[in-house]
C-alpha atoms as a PDB file:
ATOM      1  CA  UNK A   1       0.338  18.572  10.843  1.00  0.00           C
ATOM      2  CA  UNK A   2      -1.691  17.951   7.718  1.00  0.00           C
ATOM      3  CA  UNK A   3      -2.950  14.479   6.858  1.00  0.00           C
ATOM      4  CA  UNK A   4      -1.310  13.231   3.657  1.00  0.00           C
ATOM      5  CA  UNK A   5      -3.034  10.799   1.312  1.00  0.00           C
ATOM      6  CA  UNK A   6      -1.199   8.475  -1.036  1.00  0.00           C
ATOM      7  CA  UNK A   7      -2.875   6.687  -3.935  1.00  0.00           C
ATOM      8  CA  UNK A   8      -0.686   3.833  -5.095  1.00  0.00           C
ATOM      9  CA  UNK A   9      -0.702   2.613  -8.669  1.00  0.00           C
ATOM     10  CA  UNK A  10       0.504  -0.595 -10.224  1.00  0.00           C
ATOM     11  CA  UNK A  11       2.830  -2.431  -7.853  1.00  0.00           C
ATOM     12  CA  UNK A  12       2.630   0.046  -4.973  1.00  0.00           C
ATOM     13  CA  UNK A  13       0.447  -1.611  -2.389  1.00  0.00           C
ATOM     14  CA  UNK A  14       2.075  -0.345   0.806  1.00  0.00           C
ATOM     15  CA  UNK A  15       4.324   2.429   2.152  1.00  0.00           C
ATOM     16  CA  UNK A  16       7.513   1.644   4.019  1.00  0.00           C
ATOM     17  CA  UNK A  17       8.150   3.045   7.479  1.00  0.00           C
ATOM     18  CA  UNK A  18       4.560   3.632   8.585  1.00  0.00           C
ATOM     19  CA  UNK A  19       3.829   2.805  12.222  1.00  0.00           C
ATOM     20  CA  UNK A  20       0.527   2.205  13.986  1.00  0.00           C
ATOM     21  CA  UNK A  21      -0.980   0.716  10.858  1.00  0.00           C
ATOM     22  CA  UNK A  22      -4.742   0.223  10.765  1.00  0.00           C
ATOM     23  CA  UNK A  23      -7.184  -0.690   8.028  1.00  0.00           C
ATOM     24  CA  UNK A  24     -10.340   1.358   7.705  1.00  0.00           C
ATOM     25  CA  UNK A  25     -13.349   0.336   5.608  1.00  0.00           C
ATOM     26  CA  UNK A  26     -15.109   3.443   4.304  1.00  0.00           C
ATOM     27  CA  UNK A  27     -18.620   3.510   2.878  1.00  0.00           C
ATOM     28  CA  UNK A  28     -19.485   6.439   0.629  1.00  0.00           C
ATOM     29  CA  UNK A  29     -22.630   7.733  -1.100  1.00  0.00           C
ATOM     30  CA  UNK A  30     -20.892   6.776  -4.354  1.00  0.00           C
ATOM     31  CA  UNK A  31     -20.248   3.144  -3.486  1.00  0.00           C
ATOM     32  CA  UNK A  32     -17.163   1.293  -2.302  1.00  0.00           C
ATOM     33  CA  UNK A  33     -13.610   2.566  -2.780  1.00  0.00           C
ATOM     34  CA  UNK A  34     -10.991   0.382  -4.454  1.00  0.00           C
ATOM     35  CA  UNK A  35      -9.985  -1.210  -1.144  1.00  0.00           C
ATOM     36  CA  UNK A  36      -9.785  -0.520   2.570  1.00  0.00           C
ATOM     37  CA  UNK A  37      -7.828   2.593   3.471  1.00  0.00           C
ATOM     38  CA  UNK A  38      -4.601   2.004   5.395  1.00  0.00           C
ATOM     39  CA  UNK A  39      -3.757   4.613   8.028  1.00  0.00           C
ATOM     40  CA  UNK A  40      -0.626   5.151  10.081  1.00  0.00           C
ATOM     41  CA  UNK A  41       2.113   7.599  10.958  1.00  0.00           C
ATOM     42  CA  UNK A  42       5.389   8.379   9.192  1.00  0.00           C
ATOM     43  CA  UNK A  43       7.789  10.615  11.142  1.00  0.00           C
ATOM     44  CA  UNK A  44       4.925  12.313  12.929  1.00  0.00           C
ATOM     45  CA  UNK A  45       2.776  12.761   9.818  1.00  0.00           C
ATOM     46  CA  UNK A  46      -0.549  10.985   9.573  1.00  0.00           C
ATOM     47  CA  UNK A  47      -0.838   9.056   6.319  1.00  0.00           C
ATOM     48  CA  UNK A  48      -3.846   7.577   4.530  1.00  0.00           C
ATOM     49  CA  UNK A  49      -2.995   5.076   1.788  1.00  0.00           C
ATOM     50  CA  UNK A  50      -5.222   3.493  -0.854  1.00  0.00           C
ATOM     51  CA  UNK A  51      -4.214   1.022  -3.585  1.00  0.00           C
ATOM     52  CA  UNK A  52      -5.887   2.402  -6.708  1.00  0.00           C
ATOM     53  CA  UNK A  53      -6.538  -0.959  -8.359  1.00  0.00           C
ATOM     54  CA  UNK A  54      -7.067  -2.926  -5.140  1.00  0.00           C
ATOM     55  CA  UNK A  55      -4.334  -4.940  -3.473  1.00  0.00           C
ATOM     56  CA  UNK A  56      -4.716  -7.797  -5.936  1.00  0.00           C
ATOM     57  CA  UNK A  57      -4.801  -5.406  -8.903  1.00  0.00           C
ATOM     58  CA  UNK A  58      -8.314  -6.505  -9.786  1.00  0.00           C
ATOM     59  CA  UNK A  59      -9.829  -3.205 -10.928  1.00  0.00           C
ATOM     60  CA  UNK A  60      -9.293  -1.896 -14.462  1.00  0.00           C
ATOM     61  CA  UNK A  61      -8.567   1.840 -14.941  1.00  0.00           C
ATOM     62  CA  UNK A  62     -11.997   2.282 -16.510  1.00  0.00           C
ATOM     63  CA  UNK A  63     -13.732   0.488 -13.620  1.00  0.00           C
ATOM     64  CA  UNK A  64     -12.146   2.373 -10.705  1.00  0.00           C
ATOM     65  CA  UNK A  65     -14.680   4.115  -8.494  1.00  0.00           C
ATOM     66  CA  UNK A  66     -12.790   7.415  -8.507  1.00  0.00           C
ATOM     67  CA  UNK A  67     -15.506   9.342  -6.687  1.00  0.00           C
ATOM     68  CA  UNK A  68     -15.582   6.859  -3.809  1.00  0.00           C
ATOM     69  CA  UNK A  69     -11.775   6.911  -3.554  1.00  0.00           C
ATOM     70  CA  UNK A  70     -11.520  10.706  -3.326  1.00  0.00           C
ATOM     71  CA  UNK A  71     -14.630  11.066  -1.152  1.00  0.00           C
ATOM     72  CA  UNK A  72     -13.103   8.549   1.266  1.00  0.00           C
ATOM     73  CA  UNK A  73      -9.880  10.555   1.382  1.00  0.00           C
ATOM     74  CA  UNK A  74     -11.898  13.688   2.174  1.00  0.00           C
ATOM     75  CA  UNK A  75     -13.880  11.966   4.926  1.00  0.00           C
ATOM     76  CA  UNK A  76     -10.619  10.873   6.534  1.00  0.00           C
ATOM     77  CA  UNK A  77      -9.377  14.462   6.668  1.00  0.00           C
ATOM     78  CA  UNK A  78      -6.776  14.308   3.899  1.00  0.00           C
ATOM     79  CA  UNK A  79      -5.495  17.744   2.801  1.00  0.00           C
ATOM     80  CA  UNK A  80      -3.016  16.613   0.135  1.00  0.00           C
ATOM     81  CA  UNK A  81      -2.668  13.596  -2.141  1.00  0.00           C
ATOM     82  CA  UNK A  82       0.483  12.213  -3.707  1.00  0.00           C
ATOM     83  CA  UNK A  83      -0.537   9.965  -6.585  1.00  0.00           C
ATOM     84  CA  UNK A  84       2.028   7.364  -7.659  1.00  0.00           C
ATOM     85  CA  UNK A  85       1.531   5.918 -11.130  1.00  0.00           C
ATOM     86  CA  UNK A  86       3.335   3.929 -13.775  1.00  0.00           C
ATOM     87  CA  UNK A  87       3.478   5.679 -17.139  1.00  0.00           C
ATOM     88  CA  UNK A  88       4.799   5.341 -20.679  1.00  0.00           C
ATOM     89  CA  UNK A  89       7.221   7.857 -22.131  1.00  0.00           C
ATOM     90  CA  UNK A  90       6.431   9.918 -25.217  1.00  0.00           C
ATOM     91  CA  UNK A  91       9.848  11.590 -25.336  1.00  0.00           C
ATOM     92  CA  UNK A  92      13.304  10.160 -25.929  1.00  0.00           C
ATOM     93  CA  UNK A  93      14.756  12.028 -22.963  1.00  0.00           C
ATOM     94  CA  UNK A  94      12.231  10.512 -20.521  1.00  0.00           C
ATOM     95  CA  UNK A  95      13.830   7.106 -20.103  1.00  0.00           C
ATOM     96  CA  UNK A  96      12.615   3.983 -18.343  1.00  0.00           C
ATOM     97  CA  UNK A  97      13.490   4.271 -14.637  1.00  0.00           C
ATOM     98  CA  UNK A  98      13.079   8.084 -14.741  1.00  0.00           C
ATOM     99  CA  UNK A  99      10.381   9.912 -12.803  1.00  0.00           C
ATOM    100  CA  UNK A 100       8.164  12.731 -14.061  1.00  0.00           C
ATOM    101  CA  UNK A 101       6.241  15.265 -11.975  1.00  0.00           C
ATOM    102  CA  UNK A 102       3.782  16.588 -14.585  1.00  0.00           C
ATOM    103  CA  UNK A 103       1.971  19.909 -14.302  1.00  0.00           C
ATOM    104  CA  UNK A 104      -0.709  19.408 -16.977  1.00  0.00           C
ATOM    105  CA  UNK A 105      -3.155  16.769 -18.219  1.00  0.00           C
ATOM    106  CA  UNK A 106      -4.841  16.011 -21.530  1.00  0.00           C
ATOM    107  CA  UNK A 107      -8.081  14.029 -21.418  1.00  0.00           C
ATOM    108  CA  UNK A 108      -8.441  11.154 -23.894  1.00  0.00           C
ATOM    109  CA  UNK A 109     -10.941   9.105 -21.886  1.00  0.00           C
ATOM    110  CA  UNK A 110     -14.227   8.280 -23.568  1.00  0.00           C
ATOM    111  CA  UNK A 111     -16.313   5.855 -21.474  1.00  0.00           C
ATOM    112  CA  UNK A 112     -18.125   8.393 -19.354  1.00  0.00           C
ATOM    113  CA  UNK A 113     -16.092   8.136 -16.175  1.00  0.00           C
ATOM    114  CA  UNK A 114     -17.863   9.845 -13.276  1.00  0.00           C
ATOM    115  CA  UNK A 115     -15.471  12.736 -12.691  1.00  0.00           C
ATOM    116  CA  UNK A 116     -17.538  15.233 -10.687  1.00  0.00           C
ATOM    117  CA  UNK A 117     -19.352  15.275  -7.355  1.00  0.00           C
ATOM    118  CA  UNK A 118     -21.677  17.999  -8.592  1.00  0.00           C
ATOM    119  CA  UNK A 119     -24.778  16.381 -10.084  1.00  0.00           C
ATOM    120  CA  UNK A 120     -28.383  15.746  -9.026  1.00  0.00           C
ATOM    121  CA  UNK A 121     -29.315  19.328  -8.191  1.00  0.00           C
ATOM    122  CA  UNK A 122     -26.056  21.132  -7.483  1.00  0.00           C
ATOM    123  CA  UNK A 123     -23.611  22.658  -9.961  1.00  0.00           C
ATOM    124  CA  UNK A 124     -20.058  23.872  -9.361  1.00  0.00           C
ATOM    125  CA  UNK A 125     -17.353  24.970 -11.778  1.00  0.00           C
ATOM    126  CA  UNK A 126     -13.923  24.749 -10.148  1.00  0.00           C
ATOM    127  CA  UNK A 127     -10.880  26.433 -11.656  1.00  0.00           C
ATOM    128  CA  UNK A 128      -8.682  23.759 -13.212  1.00  0.00           C
ATOM    129  CA  UNK A 129      -6.233  25.633 -15.436  1.00  0.00           C
ATOM    130  CA  UNK A 130      -3.397  24.396 -13.241  1.00  0.00           C
ATOM    131  CA  UNK A 131      -4.489  20.917 -12.153  1.00  0.00           C
ATOM    132  CA  UNK A 132      -1.377  20.038 -10.142  1.00  0.00           C
ATOM    133  CA  UNK A 133      -0.765  21.696  -6.785  1.00  0.00           C
ATOM    134  CA  UNK A 134       2.706  23.273  -6.999  1.00  0.00           C
ATOM    135  CA  UNK A 135       3.496  23.086  -3.289  1.00  0.00           C
ATOM    136  CA  UNK A 136       3.341  19.281  -3.431  1.00  0.00           C
ATOM    137  CA  UNK A 137       4.997  18.962  -6.840  1.00  0.00           C
ATOM    138  CA  UNK A 138       7.971  20.977  -5.598  1.00  0.00           C
ATOM    139  CA  UNK A 139       8.455  18.648  -2.634  1.00  0.00           C
ATOM    140  CA  UNK A 140       8.185  15.487  -4.756  1.00  0.00           C
ATOM    141  CA  UNK A 141      10.723  16.856  -7.228  1.00  0.00           C
ATOM    142  CA  UNK A 142      13.174  17.907  -4.509  1.00  0.00           C
ATOM    143  CA  UNK A 143      12.791  14.568  -2.708  1.00  0.00           C
ATOM    144  CA  UNK A 144      13.668  12.597  -5.846  1.00  0.00           C
ATOM    145  CA  UNK A 145      16.688  14.821  -6.494  1.00  0.00           C
ATOM    146  CA  UNK A 146      17.865  14.437  -2.906  1.00  0.00           C
ATOM    147  CA  UNK A 147      17.946  10.675  -3.508  1.00  0.00           C
ATOM    148  CA  UNK A 148      19.979  11.200  -6.716  1.00  0.00           C
ATOM    149  CA  UNK A 149      17.153   9.857  -8.855  1.00  0.00           C
ATOM    150  CA  UNK A 150      16.433  11.225 -12.317  1.00  0.00           C
ATOM    151  CA  UNK A 151      13.285  13.322 -12.241  1.00  0.00           C
ATOM    152  CA  UNK A 152      11.742  15.670 -14.811  1.00  0.00           C
ATOM    153  CA  UNK A 153       9.698  18.579 -13.441  1.00  0.00           C
ATOM    154  CA  UNK A 154       6.708  19.662 -15.534  1.00  0.00           C
ATOM    155  CA  UNK A 155       5.132  18.217 -18.655  1.00  0.00           C
ATOM    156  CA  UNK A 156       1.783  16.933 -19.851  1.00  0.00           C
ATOM    157  CA  UNK A 157       0.291  13.573 -18.889  1.00  0.00           C
ATOM    158  CA  UNK A 158      -2.072  12.162 -21.542  1.00  0.00           C
ATOM    159  CA  UNK A 159      -4.884  10.317 -19.761  1.00  0.00           C
ATOM    160  CA  UNK A 160      -6.010   7.635 -22.214  1.00  0.00           C
ATOM    161  CA  UNK A 161      -8.859   5.227 -21.542  1.00  0.00           C
ATOM    162  CA  UNK A 162      -7.280   1.779 -21.491  1.00  0.00           C
ATOM    163  CA  UNK A 163      -7.025  -0.968 -20.529  1.00  0.00           C
ATOM    164  CA  UNK A 164      -5.444  -1.511 -23.958  1.00  0.00           C
ATOM    165  CA  UNK A 165      -2.289   0.446 -24.731  1.00  0.00           C
ATOM    166  CA  UNK A 166      -2.059   2.967 -27.585  1.00  0.00           C
ATOM    167  CA  UNK A 167      -1.909   2.170 -31.250  1.00  0.00           C
ATOM    168  CA  UNK A 168       1.233   3.403 -32.985  1.00  0.00           C
ATOM    169  CA  UNK A 169      -0.844   6.071 -34.769  1.00  0.00           C
ATOM    170  CA  UNK A 170      -2.177   7.366 -31.457  1.00  0.00           C
ATOM    171  CA  UNK A 171       1.259   7.364 -29.871  1.00  0.00           C
ATOM    172  CA  UNK A 172       2.734   9.360 -32.761  1.00  0.00           C
ATOM    173  CA  UNK A 173      -0.207  11.778 -32.647  1.00  0.00           C
ATOM    174  CA  UNK A 174       0.393  12.531 -28.967  1.00  0.00           C
ATOM    175  CA  UNK A 175       4.055  13.108 -29.704  1.00  0.00           C
ATOM    176  CA  UNK A 176       3.160  15.531 -32.500  1.00  0.00           C
ATOM    177  CA  UNK A 177       1.092  17.459 -29.950  1.00  0.00           C
ATOM    178  CA  UNK A 178       4.124  17.773 -27.676  1.00  0.00           C
ATOM    179  CA  UNK A 179       2.851  15.452 -24.949  1.00  0.00           C
ATOM    180  CA  UNK A 180       5.322  13.951 -22.467  1.00  0.00           C
ATOM    181  CA  UNK A 181       3.947  10.847 -20.749  1.00  0.00           C
ATOM    182  CA  UNK A 182       0.864   8.662 -20.977  1.00  0.00           C
ATOM    183  CA  UNK A 183      -1.216   6.863 -18.372  1.00  0.00           C
ATOM    184  CA  UNK A 184      -4.790   5.815 -17.616  1.00  0.00           C
ATOM    185  CA  UNK A 185      -5.902   7.220 -14.249  1.00  0.00           C
ATOM    186  CA  UNK A 186      -4.562  10.485 -12.872  1.00  0.00           C
ATOM    187  CA  UNK A 187      -6.670  13.159 -14.555  1.00  0.00           C
ATOM    188  CA  UNK A 188      -9.919  11.795 -13.145  1.00  0.00           C
ATOM    189  CA  UNK A 189      -8.401  11.745  -9.662  1.00  0.00           C
ATOM    190  CA  UNK A 190      -7.086  15.292 -10.054  1.00  0.00           C
ATOM    191  CA  UNK A 191     -10.493  16.650 -11.103  1.00  0.00           C
ATOM    192  CA  UNK A 192     -12.264  15.105  -8.125  1.00  0.00           C
ATOM    193  CA  UNK A 193      -9.514  16.085  -5.693  1.00  0.00           C
ATOM    194  CA  UNK A 194      -9.842  19.714  -6.780  1.00  0.00           C
ATOM    195  CA  UNK A 195     -13.614  19.593  -6.235  1.00  0.00           C
ATOM    196  CA  UNK A 196     -12.970  18.120  -2.782  1.00  0.00           C
ATOM    197  CA  UNK A 197     -10.472  20.927  -2.040  1.00  0.00           C
ATOM    198  CA  UNK A 198      -7.603  18.444  -1.734  1.00  0.00           C
ATOM    199  CA  UNK A 199      -4.254  19.482  -3.202  1.00  0.00           C
ATOM    200  CA  UNK A 200      -3.018  16.851  -5.652  1.00  0.00           C
ATOM    201  CA  UNK A 201       0.235  16.007  -7.426  1.00  0.00           C
ATOM    202  CA  UNK A 202       1.523  13.068  -9.456  1.00  0.00           C
ATOM    203  CA  UNK A 203       4.739  11.093  -9.160  1.00  0.00           C
ATOM    204  CA  UNK A 204       4.852   9.257 -12.487  1.00  0.00           C
ATOM    205  CA  UNK A 205       7.306   6.375 -12.826  1.00  0.00           C
ATOM    206  CA  UNK A 206       8.418   5.690 -16.401  1.00  0.00           C
ATOM    207  CA  UNK A 207       8.376   1.950 -17.043  1.00  0.00           C
ATOM    208  CA  UNK A 208       8.869   1.943 -20.815  1.00  0.00           C
ATOM    209  CA  UNK A 209       8.709   3.961 -23.998  1.00  0.00           C
ATOM    210  CA  UNK A 210       5.297   3.988 -25.615  1.00  0.00           C
ATOM    211  CA  UNK A 211       4.936   2.143 -28.914  1.00  0.00           C
ATOM    212  CA  UNK A 212       6.237   5.083 -31.010  1.00  0.00           C
ATOM    213  CA  UNK A 213       9.802   4.207 -30.030  1.00  0.00           C
ATOM    214  CA  UNK A 214      11.954   2.025 -32.342  1.00  0.00           C
ATOM    215  CA  UNK A 215      12.992  -0.148 -29.396  1.00  0.00           C
ATOM    216  CA  UNK A 216       9.410  -0.948 -28.440  1.00  0.00           C
ATOM    217  CA  UNK A 217       9.165  -4.124 -30.522  1.00  0.00           C
ATOM    218  CA  UNK A 218      12.215  -5.588 -28.770  1.00  0.00           C
ATOM    219  CA  UNK A 219      10.927  -4.812 -25.287  1.00  0.00           C
ATOM    220  CA  UNK A 220       9.948  -7.962 -23.409  1.00  0.00           C
ATOM    221  CA  UNK A 221       7.516  -8.316 -20.539  1.00  0.00           C
ATOM    222  CA  UNK A 222      10.422  -9.392 -18.341  1.00  0.00           C
ATOM    223  CA  UNK A 223      12.228  -6.129 -19.086  1.00  0.00           C
ATOM    224  CA  UNK A 224       9.167  -4.028 -18.309  1.00  0.00           C
ATOM    225  CA  UNK A 225       8.566  -5.894 -15.029  1.00  0.00           C
ATOM    226  CA  UNK A 226      12.211  -5.420 -14.026  1.00  0.00           C
ATOM    227  CA  UNK A 227      12.001  -1.665 -14.638  1.00  0.00           C
ATOM    228  CA  UNK A 228       8.669  -1.626 -12.925  1.00  0.00           C
ATOM    229  CA  UNK A 229       9.881  -3.301  -9.736  1.00  0.00           C
ATOM    230  CA  UNK A 230      12.910  -1.004  -9.484  1.00  0.00           C
ATOM    231  CA  UNK A 231      10.676   2.021 -10.030  1.00  0.00           C
ATOM    232  CA  UNK A 232       8.337   0.948  -7.247  1.00  0.00           C
ATOM    233  CA  UNK A 233      11.266   0.592  -4.835  1.00  0.00           C
ATOM    234  CA  UNK A 234      12.497   4.070  -5.781  1.00  0.00           C
ATOM    235  CA  UNK A 235       8.985   5.512  -5.474  1.00  0.00           C
ATOM    236  CA  UNK A 236       8.743   4.168  -1.927  1.00  0.00           C
ATOM    237  CA  UNK A 237      12.005   5.903  -1.068  1.00  0.00           C
ATOM    238  CA  UNK A 238      10.731   9.190  -2.523  1.00  0.00           C
ATOM    239  CA  UNK A 239       7.535   8.914  -0.484  1.00  0.00           C
ATOM    240  CA  UNK A 240       9.492   8.377   2.741  1.00  0.00           C
ATOM    241  CA  UNK A 241      11.245  11.697   2.138  1.00  0.00           C
ATOM    242  CA  UNK A 242       8.309  13.650   0.707  1.00  0.00           C
ATOM    243  CA  UNK A 243       5.413  12.707   2.989  1.00  0.00           C
ATOM    244  CA  UNK A 244       6.747  14.311   6.204  1.00  0.00           C
ATOM    245  CA  UNK A 245       7.558  17.507   4.304  1.00  0.00           C
ATOM    246  CA  UNK A 246       4.068  17.711   2.811  1.00  0.00           C
ATOM    247  CA  UNK A 247       2.645  17.094   6.272  1.00  0.00           C
ATOM    248  CA  UNK A 248       4.463  20.168   7.583  1.00  0.00           C
ATOM    249  CA  UNK A 249       2.940  22.538   5.013  1.00  0.00           C
ATOM    250  CA  UNK A 250       0.737  25.218   6.550  1.00  0.00           C
ATOM    251  CA  UNK A 251      -1.300  26.103   3.469  1.00  0.00           C
ATOM    252  CA  UNK A 252      -2.568  24.169   0.452  1.00  0.00           C
ATOM    253  CA  UNK A 253      -3.445  25.706  -2.890  1.00  0.00           C
ATOM    254  CA  UNK A 254      -6.687  23.729  -3.319  1.00  0.00           C
ATOM    255  CA  UNK A 255      -8.012  24.438   0.180  1.00  0.00           C
ATOM    256  CA  UNK A 256     -10.629  26.967  -0.995  1.00  0.00           C
ATOM    257  CA  UNK A 257     -11.278  25.711  -4.524  1.00  0.00           C
ATOM    258  CA  UNK A 258     -15.069  25.782  -4.006  1.00  0.00           C
ATOM    259  CA  UNK A 259     -15.256  29.263  -2.496  1.00  0.00           C
ATOM    260  CA  UNK A 260     -16.625  30.851  -5.676  1.00  0.00           C
ATOM    261  CA  UNK A 261     -17.369  27.694  -7.671  1.00  0.00           C
ATOM    262  CA  UNK A 262     -20.860  26.690  -6.486  1.00  0.00           C
ATOM    263  CA  UNK A 263     -23.414  28.438  -8.689  1.00  0.00           C
ATOM    264  CA  UNK A 264     -26.613  26.773  -7.485  1.00  0.00           C
ATOM    265  CA  UNK A 265     -28.842  28.770  -5.148  1.00  0.00           C
ATOM    266  CA  UNK A 266     -27.987  27.339  -1.733  1.00  0.00           C
ATOM    267  CA  UNK A 267     -31.650  27.177  -0.748  1.00  0.00           C
ATOM    268  CA  UNK A 268     -32.431  25.031  -3.793  1.00  0.00           C
ATOM    269  CA  UNK A 269     -29.846  22.306  -3.170  1.00  0.00           C
ATOM    270  CA  UNK A 270     -31.765  19.094  -2.369  1.00  0.00           C
ATOM    271  CA  UNK A 271     -31.524  18.031   1.265  1.00  0.00           C
ATOM    272  CA  UNK A 272     -30.217  14.581   0.397  1.00  0.00           C
ATOM    273  CA  UNK A 273     -27.445  16.112  -1.724  1.00  0.00           C
ATOM    274  CA  UNK A 274     -26.481  18.445   1.129  1.00  0.00           C
ATOM    275  CA  UNK A 275     -26.219  15.402   3.386  1.00  0.00           C
ATOM    276  CA  UNK A 276     -24.271  13.278   0.902  1.00  0.00           C
ATOM    277  CA  UNK A 277     -21.772  16.007   0.049  1.00  0.00           C
ATOM    278  CA  UNK A 278     -21.435  17.446   3.547  1.00  0.00           C
ATOM    279  CA  UNK A 279     -17.713  16.544   3.831  1.00  0.00           C
ATOM    280  CA  UNK A 280     -17.075  18.450   0.603  1.00  0.00           C
ATOM    281  CA  UNK A 281     -19.561  21.368   0.598  1.00  0.00           C
ATOM    282  CA  UNK A 282     -20.427  21.639   4.287  1.00  0.00           C
ATOM    283  CA  UNK A 283     -18.586  24.898   4.899  1.00  0.00           C
ATOM    284  CA  UNK A 284     -20.393  26.555   1.969  1.00  0.00           C
ATOM    285  CA  UNK A 285     -23.858  24.959   1.914  1.00  0.00           C
ATOM    286  CA  UNK A 286     -25.698  24.431   5.208  1.00  0.00           C
END
């Protein structure tokens, strides 16, 4: 059985049904992850959970230590990550309370987020044309449908910087480009997961329309929180169905992402880099 990682976004700070729960503090060469990892078992599948913003939601999207989070998942043997995130809708048909399983990302970050493990003497260029792992996306989609929840398969997630939301001009621009949903975190995670040879997929929970929508000015914080809380409850139910199925998968599409990606002469990789990245590059660079 594969070990399944879950990164929880706003409001998702635990997974229902996990037994044998333990907290694990992980130190990485890239600093501390967002919080302790929570491990346990769900229907025979080992699960590793991490709250993206910390359990008290104290870390801004731009301040998350993405490298430490993904490195920690790799060290704990995770083969697949389900990322649960709140998002805004850029299309009329993607309504609050719906779910989206995107298959593409567009990068609109700008503050120099560290989004690669390959620096300081080693270079790798992983294929990233299809950033979402289809074997996981298919299971998430089917799990939501089995629960009679509204889910949209495919689409592009715009990864903006934050923590501020979009201006109306930005929101309308993204719509003119044909984008589907907008959030602040998932692309950076997906890039690093691919470098770490971890299959990755997003379960995006629509909490509101972005500011392009005529109803946006009448939306209250109470309304958004109500949608948000219901979405989190539904996301937990989807995870309970999806996690055991992902755990039963025999192969993962990202498992050999580095096979032809490392271009640096192996003999020239600094010894300290070999040591630091051993969980990620160890089977290719000795």
